Amino acid sequence: MHQIKNNNTNFEVGRYRISPMTQARDDGGFDAMVSIRSGRGMASVDRVMHFTPSFDSRRAALRYARAEGLAWAHGQ
């Protein structure tokens, strides 16, 4: 398994902290993931979503994860 990269692209939308991430695949592609956190301390919740499409570049996977995180946060 390959290391998950955060790339320091965290941002906030309302009460949510969005962290798009990527992970290299064995076939040379990249997976997109996003962590969405809310709350503090013992009352915090962290949702992590791992998306199905594989991307040719880390940048494309990161862009997709960011867009999905934004869409999720705006839909709440």
Protein backbone atom coordinates (compact mmCIF):
# COMPACT_ATOMS: atom_id res chain seq x y z
CA MET A 1 0.00 0.00 0.00
CA HIS A 2 1.21 3.50 -0.84
CA GLN A 3 1.36 6.48 1.46
CA ILE A 4 -1.58 8.88 1.54
CA LYS A 5 -0.56 12.46 0.69
CA ASN A 6 -2.37 15.46 2.14
CA ASN A 7 -0.40 18.14 0.21
CA ASN A 8 -1.34 20.86 2.76
CA THR A 9 -4.51 21.81 0.91
CA ASN A 10 -6.81 21.93 3.94
CA PHE A 11 -9.51 24.57 4.03
CA GLU A 12 -12.66 25.45 5.97
CA VAL A 13 -16.25 25.69 4.78
CA GLY A 14 -18.55 26.86 7.56
CA ARG A 15 -18.05 24.50 10.48
CA TYR A 16 -16.24 21.86 8.37
CA ARG A 17 -12.51 21.38 7.87
CA ILE A 18 -11.92 19.81 4.43
CA SER A 19 -8.71 17.87 3.71
CA PRO A 20 -8.37 16.54 0.14
CA MET A 21 -5.88 13.68 -0.13
CA THR A 22 -4.38 11.39 -2.77
CA GLN A 23 -2.91 7.91 -2.77
CA ALA A 24 -0.69 6.41 -5.47
CA ARG A 25 -1.88 3.13 -6.98
CA ASP A 26 0.31 0.19 -8.01
CA ASP A 27 -0.74 0.73 -11.65
CA GLY A 28 0.69 4.28 -11.68
CA GLY A 29 -2.65 6.04 -11.21
CA PHE A 30 -3.92 7.95 -8.19
CA ASP A 31 -6.95 7.63 -5.92
CA ALA A 32 -8.81 10.63 -4.52
CA MET A 33 -9.98 10.85 -0.89
CA VAL A 34 -11.31 13.60 1.32
CA SER A 35 -11.54 13.99 5.09
CA ILE A 36 -14.33 16.22 6.43
CA ARG A 37 -14.03 17.13 10.11
CA SER A 38 -16.38 18.97 12.40
CA GLY A 39 -16.60 19.60 16.12
CA ARG A 40 -13.83 19.70 18.70
CA GLY A 41 -12.28 17.34 21.19
CA MET A 42 -14.46 14.42 22.26
CA ALA A 43 -17.35 15.80 20.18
CA SER A 44 -15.40 15.80 16.89
CA VAL A 45 -16.42 13.75 13.87
CA ASP A 46 -14.17 12.88 10.92
CA ARG A 47 -15.73 11.49 7.75
CA VAL A 48 -13.33 10.04 5.19
CA MET A 49 -14.56 9.37 1.66
CA HIS A 50 -12.60 7.29 -0.85
CA PHE A 51 -13.72 7.76 -4.46
CA THR A 52 -13.94 5.13 -7.19
CA PRO A 53 -12.36 6.79 -10.23
CA SER A 54 -8.61 6.42 -10.76
CA PHE A 55 -6.73 9.49 -12.02
CA ASP A 56 -3.66 9.82 -14.23
CA SER A 57 -2.09 12.50 -12.05
CA ARG A 58 -1.93 13.40 -8.37
CA ARG A 59 -3.11 16.90 -9.27
CA ALA A 60 -6.27 15.62 -10.99
CA ALA A 61 -7.08 13.34 -8.03
CA LEU A 62 -6.58 16.23 -5.60
CA ARG A 63 -8.80 18.52 -7.67
CA TYR A 64 -11.56 15.88 -7.68
CA ALA A 65 -11.30 15.30 -3.91
CA ARG A 66 -11.46 19.06 -3.27
CA ALA A 67 -14.54 19.46 -5.47
CA GLU A 68 -16.30 16.53 -3.78
CA GLY A 69 -15.49 17.89 -0.31
CA LEU A 70 -16.85 21.31 -1.25
CA ALA A 71 -20.01 19.82 -2.73
CA TRP A 72 -20.59 17.74 0.40
CA ALA A 73 -20.06 20.69 2.77
CA HIS A 74 -22.33 23.00 0.75
CA GLY A 75 -25.04 20.34 0.69
CA GLN A 76 -25.22 20.18 4.51
